[in-house]
Amino acid sequence: MKLSELSGKEIVDVNRAERLGVLGQTDLEINEKNGQIQALLIPSLKWFGLKKQAGDLRVPWTHIKKIGVDMIIIDIPGDDQE
């Protein structure tokens, strides 16, 4: 799969049934030796994106469960529901 095919997909947490962001608004952590994606770095935004919370959410590539036509489903173990 090409990086361009991932761009624009919504990232959804299966445990919280919550939209976390859109790929393209996130950063990628890439292994410089082999070029593989290690993780997605999703900014924590509040108030319609005007205020950034402390820290980003790091989602290791191994926690991505499914990449569909419109969205990426992630499963973060130990992610407590509120």
Protein backbone atom coordinates (compact mmCIF):
# COMPACT_ATOMS: atom_id res chain seq x y z
CA MET A 1 0.00 0.00 0.00
CA LYS A 2 1.28 3.44 -0.90
CA LEU A 3 1.36 6.33 1.57
CA SER A 4 -0.87 8.32 -0.79
CA GLU A 5 -3.56 5.62 -0.41
CA LEU A 6 -3.57 6.15 3.38
CA SER A 7 -3.94 9.92 3.24
CA GLY A 8 -7.37 11.27 4.18
CA LYS A 9 -8.56 8.16 6.02
CA GLU A 10 -10.23 8.64 9.41
CA ILE A 11 -8.54 6.99 12.38
CA VAL A 12 -11.06 5.31 14.71
CA ASP A 13 -10.42 3.66 18.10
CA VAL A 14 -12.45 0.44 18.22
CA ASN A 15 -12.53 0.41 22.07
CA ARG A 16 -13.90 3.92 22.54
CA ALA A 17 -15.74 4.10 19.19
CA GLU A 18 -14.13 7.51 18.83
CA ARG A 19 -12.70 9.36 15.85
CA LEU A 20 -9.11 10.31 16.69
CA GLY A 21 -8.16 12.19 13.57
CA VAL A 22 -7.52 11.97 9.87
CA LEU A 23 -4.33 10.66 8.36
CA GLY A 24 -2.76 13.71 6.86
CA GLN A 25 -3.34 15.62 10.11
CA THR A 26 -1.07 13.11 11.84
CA ASP A 27 2.64 12.49 11.77
CA LEU A 28 4.26 9.18 10.94
CA GLU A 29 7.17 7.64 12.81
CA ILE A 30 9.31 5.93 10.18
CA ASN A 31 12.24 3.57 10.66
CA GLU A 32 15.10 5.30 8.83
CA LYS A 33 16.92 2.03 8.14
CA ASN A 34 14.15 0.15 6.33
CA GLY A 35 11.54 2.85 5.59
CA GLN A 36 8.72 1.04 7.41
CA ILE A 37 6.09 2.96 9.37
CA GLN A 38 6.59 2.34 13.10
CA ALA A 39 3.69 4.40 14.50
CA LEU A 40 1.10 7.08 13.89
CA LEU A 41 1.46 10.23 16.02
CA ILE A 42 -1.98 11.79 16.44
CA PRO A 43 -2.17 15.32 17.89
CA SER A 44 -4.54 15.79 20.83
CA LEU A 45 -6.73 18.74 19.88
CA LYS A 46 -9.56 20.43 21.79
CA TRP A 47 -11.97 23.25 21.00
CA PHE A 48 -12.25 22.72 17.26
CA GLY A 49 -8.49 22.38 16.88
CA LEU A 50 -7.66 25.75 18.43
CA LYS A 51 -5.99 24.49 21.60
CA LYS A 52 -3.52 21.64 21.68
CA GLN A 53 -3.40 19.40 24.74
CA ALA A 54 -0.11 18.26 26.16
CA GLY A 55 1.35 15.39 24.18
CA ASP A 56 0.33 13.38 21.18
CA LEU A 57 -1.17 9.92 21.03
CA ARG A 58 1.38 7.41 19.69
CA VAL A 59 -0.24 4.42 18.00
CA PRO A 60 2.24 1.65 17.16
CA TRP A 61 1.69 0.09 13.73
CA THR A 62 0.99 -3.27 15.43
CA HIS A 63 -2.19 -1.77 16.99
CA ILE A 64 -3.73 -1.07 13.58
CA LYS A 65 -6.35 -3.76 13.06
CA LYS A 66 -7.88 -2.87 9.70
CA ILE A 67 -7.35 -0.37 6.92
CA GLY A 68 -10.53 0.13 4.95
CA VAL A 69 -11.61 2.34 2.09
CA ASP A 70 -12.54 5.26 4.38
CA MET A 71 -10.99 4.56 7.76
CA ILE A 72 -8.24 2.97 9.80
CA ILE A 73 -9.42 0.95 12.81
CA ILE A 74 -7.02 0.82 15.76
CA ASP A 75 -7.12 -1.22 18.97
CA ILE A 76 -5.01 0.09 21.83
CA PRO A 77 -4.69 -2.56 24.57
CA GLY A 78 -5.46 -1.27 28.06
CA ASP A 79 -7.20 1.82 26.71
CA ASP A 80 -9.81 2.47 29.41
CA GLN A 81 -13.18 3.81 28.43
CA GLU A 82 -14.39 6.93 30.21
